[in-house]
C-alpha atoms as a PDB file:
ATOM      1  CA  UNK A   1     -22.070 -50.336   3.278  1.00  0.00           C
ATOM      2  CA  UNK A   2     -24.143 -47.337   4.594  1.00  0.00           C
ATOM      3  CA  UNK A   3     -22.103 -44.688   5.818  1.00  0.00           C
ATOM      4  CA  UNK A   4     -23.100 -42.940   9.404  1.00  0.00           C
ATOM      5  CA  UNK A   5     -22.068 -39.736   9.581  1.00  0.00           C
ATOM      6  CA  UNK A   6     -20.409 -38.071  12.660  1.00  0.00           C
ATOM      7  CA  UNK A   7     -19.818 -41.245  14.474  1.00  0.00           C
ATOM      8  CA  UNK A   8     -16.375 -43.037  14.938  1.00  0.00           C
ATOM      9  CA  UNK A   9     -13.648 -42.745  12.401  1.00  0.00           C
ATOM     10  CA  UNK A  10     -12.137 -45.571  10.089  1.00  0.00           C
ATOM     11  CA  UNK A  11      -9.575 -47.041  11.849  1.00  0.00           C
ATOM     12  CA  UNK A  12     -12.598 -48.086  14.623  1.00  0.00           C
ATOM     13  CA  UNK A  13     -12.416 -51.537  15.608  1.00  0.00           C
ATOM     14  CA  UNK A  14     -15.994 -51.707  15.669  1.00  0.00           C
ATOM     15  CA  UNK A  15     -16.456 -50.885  11.820  1.00  0.00           C
ATOM     16  CA  UNK A  16     -13.129 -53.065  11.093  1.00  0.00           C
ATOM     17  CA  UNK A  17     -15.260 -55.955  12.486  1.00  0.00           C
ATOM     18  CA  UNK A  18     -18.342 -54.979  10.719  1.00  0.00           C
ATOM     19  CA  UNK A  19     -16.374 -55.176   7.576  1.00  0.00           C
ATOM     20  CA  UNK A  20     -14.598 -58.060   8.268  1.00  0.00           C
ATOM     21  CA  UNK A  21     -14.557 -60.905   5.144  1.00  0.00           C
ATOM     22  CA  UNK A  22     -13.945 -64.140   6.138  1.00  0.00           C
ATOM     23  CA  UNK A  23     -11.849 -66.521   4.029  1.00  0.00           C
ATOM     24  CA  UNK A  24     -12.560 -70.247   2.872  1.00  0.00           C
ATOM     25  CA  UNK A  25     -15.549 -71.436   1.616  1.00  0.00           C
ATOM     26  CA  UNK A  26     -19.131 -71.009   2.671  1.00  0.00           C
ATOM     27  CA  UNK A  27     -20.930 -73.571   3.934  1.00  0.00           C
ATOM     28  CA  UNK A  28     -24.110 -75.237   2.112  1.00  0.00           C
ATOM     29  CA  UNK A  29     -28.033 -73.600   2.536  1.00  0.00           C
ATOM     30  CA  UNK A  30     -28.954 -70.226   3.383  1.00  0.00           C
ATOM     31  CA  UNK A  31     -26.451 -67.701   4.406  1.00  0.00           C
ATOM     32  CA  UNK A  32     -27.059 -66.165   7.966  1.00  0.00           C
ATOM     33  CA  UNK A  33     -28.419 -63.107   8.546  1.00  0.00           C
ATOM     34  CA  UNK A  34     -25.973 -60.164   9.589  1.00  0.00           C
ATOM     35  CA  UNK A  35     -26.454 -57.676  12.361  1.00  0.00           C
ATOM     36  CA  UNK A  36     -26.804 -55.017   9.929  1.00  0.00           C
ATOM     37  CA  UNK A  37     -29.858 -56.709   8.288  1.00  0.00           C
ATOM     38  CA  UNK A  38     -31.617 -57.434  11.206  1.00  0.00           C
ATOM     39  CA  UNK A  39     -31.044 -53.813  13.001  1.00  0.00           C
ATOM     40  CA  UNK A  40     -32.409 -52.679   9.654  1.00  0.00           C
ATOM     41  CA  UNK A  41     -35.541 -54.726   9.801  1.00  0.00           C
ATOM     42  CA  UNK A  42     -35.964 -53.818  13.147  1.00  0.00           C
ATOM     43  CA  UNK A  43     -35.935 -50.283  12.072  1.00  0.00           C
ATOM     44  CA  UNK A  44     -38.077 -50.480   9.300  1.00  0.00           C
ATOM     45  CA  UNK A  45     -40.997 -52.352  11.047  1.00  0.00           C
ATOM     46  CA  UNK A  46     -40.746 -49.100  13.617  1.00  0.00           C
ATOM     47  CA  UNK A  47     -40.958 -46.822  10.707  1.00  0.00           C
ATOM     48  CA  UNK A  48     -37.092 -45.408  12.499  1.00  0.00           C
ATOM     49  CA  UNK A  49     -34.236 -44.036  10.271  1.00  0.00           C
ATOM     50  CA  UNK A  50     -30.845 -43.000  10.687  1.00  0.00           C
ATOM     51  CA  UNK A  51     -31.452 -39.236  11.180  1.00  0.00           C
ATOM     52  CA  UNK A  52     -33.952 -40.873  14.252  1.00  0.00           C
ATOM     53  CA  UNK A  53     -31.072 -42.648  16.149  1.00  0.00           C
ATOM     54  CA  UNK A  54     -29.645 -38.996  16.593  1.00  0.00           C
ATOM     55  CA  UNK A  55     -32.290 -37.597  18.471  1.00  0.00           C
ATOM     56  CA  UNK A  56     -32.212 -39.497  21.453  1.00  0.00           C
ATOM     57  CA  UNK A  57     -36.130 -38.211  22.377  1.00  0.00           C
ATOM     58  CA  UNK A  58     -37.637 -39.246  19.517  1.00  0.00           C
ATOM     59  CA  UNK A  59     -35.748 -42.776  19.120  1.00  0.00           C
ATOM     60  CA  UNK A  60     -37.113 -43.354  22.423  1.00  0.00           C
ATOM     61  CA  UNK A  61     -40.254 -42.527  22.011  1.00  0.00           C
ATOM     62  CA  UNK A  62     -41.016 -44.553  18.749  1.00  0.00           C
ATOM     63  CA  UNK A  63     -39.341 -47.581  20.809  1.00  0.00           C
ATOM     64  CA  UNK A  64     -41.673 -47.290  23.124  1.00  0.00           C
ATOM     65  CA  UNK A  65     -44.655 -46.806  20.897  1.00  0.00           C
ATOM     66  CA  UNK A  66     -44.735 -50.381  19.307  1.00  0.00           C
END
């Protein structure tokens, strides 16, 4: 998992949800994509990274360009 500096803490419920491991057998076929995979793909397509997320003006400018 990629750490996010300065946001939340280790006991945060959102972090627990993102790291939750489901027990039991997996269904047949290709695994579903996770939220994190989709966000990372979208950020790559827009040319954004984690540092850009901390700069609201840059983030909004990059989002509106696409």
